[in-house]
Amino acid sequence: KRLSEKESVNYVALTGPLPDLEEWSTSVPSELSPRVKQWVPCELA
């Protein structure tokens, strides 16, 4: 199911520590930049 723009969820899988989000947000396309700053680590059960 495709979610609307307002409902969409942004996931990314990384290994290692969370990168500098300010630096990363300047490296991605402008439409993704604000979302990068909202990333938080997720602990697996």
N, C-alpha and C. Protein backbone atom coordinates (compact mmCIF):
# COMPACT_ATOMS: atom_id res chain seq x y z
N LYS A 1 0.84 -1.18 0.00
CA LYS A 1 0.00 0.00 0.00
C LYS A 1 0.89 1.24 0.00
N ARG A 2 0.61 2.13 -0.90
CA ARG A 2 1.37 3.39 -0.93
C ARG A 2 0.67 4.41 -0.04
N LEU A 3 1.41 5.01 0.85
CA LEU A 3 0.86 6.01 1.76
C LEU A 3 0.91 7.39 1.14
N SER A 4 0.03 8.26 1.59
CA SER A 4 0.06 9.64 1.11
C SER A 4 1.34 10.31 1.60
N GLU A 5 1.64 11.44 1.01
CA GLU A 5 2.86 12.19 1.39
C GLU A 5 2.87 12.51 2.88
N LYS A 6 1.72 12.85 3.45
CA LYS A 6 1.65 13.20 4.87
C LYS A 6 1.75 11.98 5.77
N GLU A 7 1.38 10.81 5.27
CA GLU A 7 1.39 9.59 6.07
C GLU A 7 2.67 8.77 5.92
N SER A 8 3.48 9.10 4.94
CA SER A 8 4.63 8.26 4.64
C SER A 8 5.62 8.20 5.80
N VAL A 9 6.33 7.11 5.88
CA VAL A 9 7.31 6.87 6.93
C VAL A 9 8.66 6.67 6.26
N ASN A 10 9.69 7.20 6.87
CA ASN A 10 11.03 7.16 6.29
C ASN A 10 11.90 6.23 7.13
N TYR A 11 12.35 5.13 6.55
CA TYR A 11 13.22 4.18 7.24
C TYR A 11 14.54 4.06 6.49
N VAL A 12 15.61 3.86 7.23
CA VAL A 12 16.90 3.57 6.63
C VAL A 12 17.62 2.61 7.58
N ALA A 13 18.33 1.66 7.02
CA ALA A 13 19.09 0.70 7.84
C ALA A 13 20.57 1.02 7.72
N LEU A 14 21.22 1.23 8.86
CA LEU A 14 22.64 1.53 8.90
C LEU A 14 23.32 0.56 9.85
N THR A 15 24.58 0.31 9.60
CA THR A 15 25.38 -0.44 10.56
C THR A 15 26.36 0.53 11.19
N GLY A 16 26.64 0.34 12.45
CA GLY A 16 27.55 1.24 13.14
C GLY A 16 26.81 2.40 13.76
N PRO A 17 27.54 3.39 14.24
CA PRO A 17 26.93 4.53 14.93
C PRO A 17 26.14 5.42 13.97
N LEU A 18 25.20 6.16 14.52
CA LEU A 18 24.41 7.11 13.74
C LEU A 18 25.35 8.20 13.23
N PRO A 19 25.29 8.53 11.93
CA PRO A 19 26.18 9.57 11.39
C PRO A 19 25.75 10.96 11.85
N ASP A 20 26.58 11.94 11.57
CA ASP A 20 26.24 13.34 11.85
C ASP A 20 25.07 13.72 10.94
N LEU A 21 23.90 13.93 11.52
CA LEU A 21 22.69 14.16 10.73
C LEU A 21 22.70 15.51 10.02
N GLU A 22 23.33 16.51 10.60
CA GLU A 22 23.43 17.81 9.93
C GLU A 22 24.25 17.67 8.64
N GLU A 23 25.38 16.99 8.74
CA GLU A 23 26.24 16.78 7.57
C GLU A 23 25.52 15.93 6.52
N TRP A 24 24.88 14.86 6.98
CA TRP A 24 24.19 13.96 6.07
C TRP A 24 23.06 14.70 5.34
N SER A 25 22.31 15.55 6.06
CA SER A 25 21.17 16.23 5.45
C SER A 25 21.60 17.17 4.32
N THR A 26 22.83 17.67 4.37
CA THR A 26 23.31 18.53 3.28
C THR A 26 23.76 17.71 2.07
N SER A 27 23.90 16.39 2.26
CA SER A 27 24.40 15.53 1.18
C SER A 27 23.30 14.83 0.39
N VAL A 28 22.07 14.89 0.89
CA VAL A 28 20.97 14.20 0.21
C VAL A 28 20.14 15.21 -0.58
N PRO A 29 19.29 14.74 -1.50
CA PRO A 29 18.43 15.66 -2.25
C PRO A 29 17.58 16.53 -1.31
N SER A 30 17.27 17.74 -1.73
CA SER A 30 16.58 18.71 -0.87
C SER A 30 15.25 18.19 -0.32
N GLU A 31 14.53 17.36 -1.07
CA GLU A 31 13.25 16.86 -0.56
C GLU A 31 13.43 15.86 0.60
N LEU A 32 14.61 15.28 0.74
CA LEU A 32 14.89 14.36 1.85
C LEU A 32 15.55 15.04 3.04
N SER A 33 16.18 16.16 2.82
CA SER A 33 16.99 16.82 3.84
C SER A 33 16.26 17.04 5.18
N PRO A 34 15.05 17.58 5.21
CA PRO A 34 14.38 17.79 6.50
C PRO A 34 14.10 16.48 7.24
N ARG A 35 13.83 15.42 6.51
CA ARG A 35 13.52 14.12 7.12
C ARG A 35 14.75 13.49 7.78
N VAL A 36 15.91 13.71 7.21
CA VAL A 36 17.14 13.13 7.76
C VAL A 36 17.32 13.57 9.21
N LYS A 37 17.02 14.81 9.50
CA LYS A 37 17.21 15.35 10.85
C LYS A 37 16.25 14.73 11.86
N GLN A 38 15.24 13.99 11.39
CA GLN A 38 14.27 13.34 12.28
C GLN A 38 14.66 11.90 12.59
N TRP A 39 15.72 11.39 11.98
CA TRP A 39 16.11 10.00 12.21
C TRP A 39 16.51 9.78 13.66
N VAL A 40 16.11 8.65 14.18
CA VAL A 40 16.49 8.24 15.54
C VAL A 40 16.86 6.77 15.51
N PRO A 41 17.77 6.33 16.36
CA PRO A 41 18.12 4.91 16.41
C PRO A 41 16.93 4.08 16.90
N CYS A 42 16.86 2.87 16.41
CA CYS A 42 15.81 1.94 16.81
C CYS A 42 16.48 0.69 17.36
N GLU A 43 16.13 0.30 18.54
CA GLU A 43 16.69 -0.91 19.15
C GLU A 43 15.88 -2.13 18.72
N LEU A 44 16.57 -3.17 18.31
CA LEU A 44 15.89 -4.42 17.96
C LEU A 44 15.66 -5.23 19.22
N ALA A 45 14.54 -5.90 19.25
CA ALA A 45 14.20 -6.71 20.43
C ALA A 45 15.02 -7.98 20.47
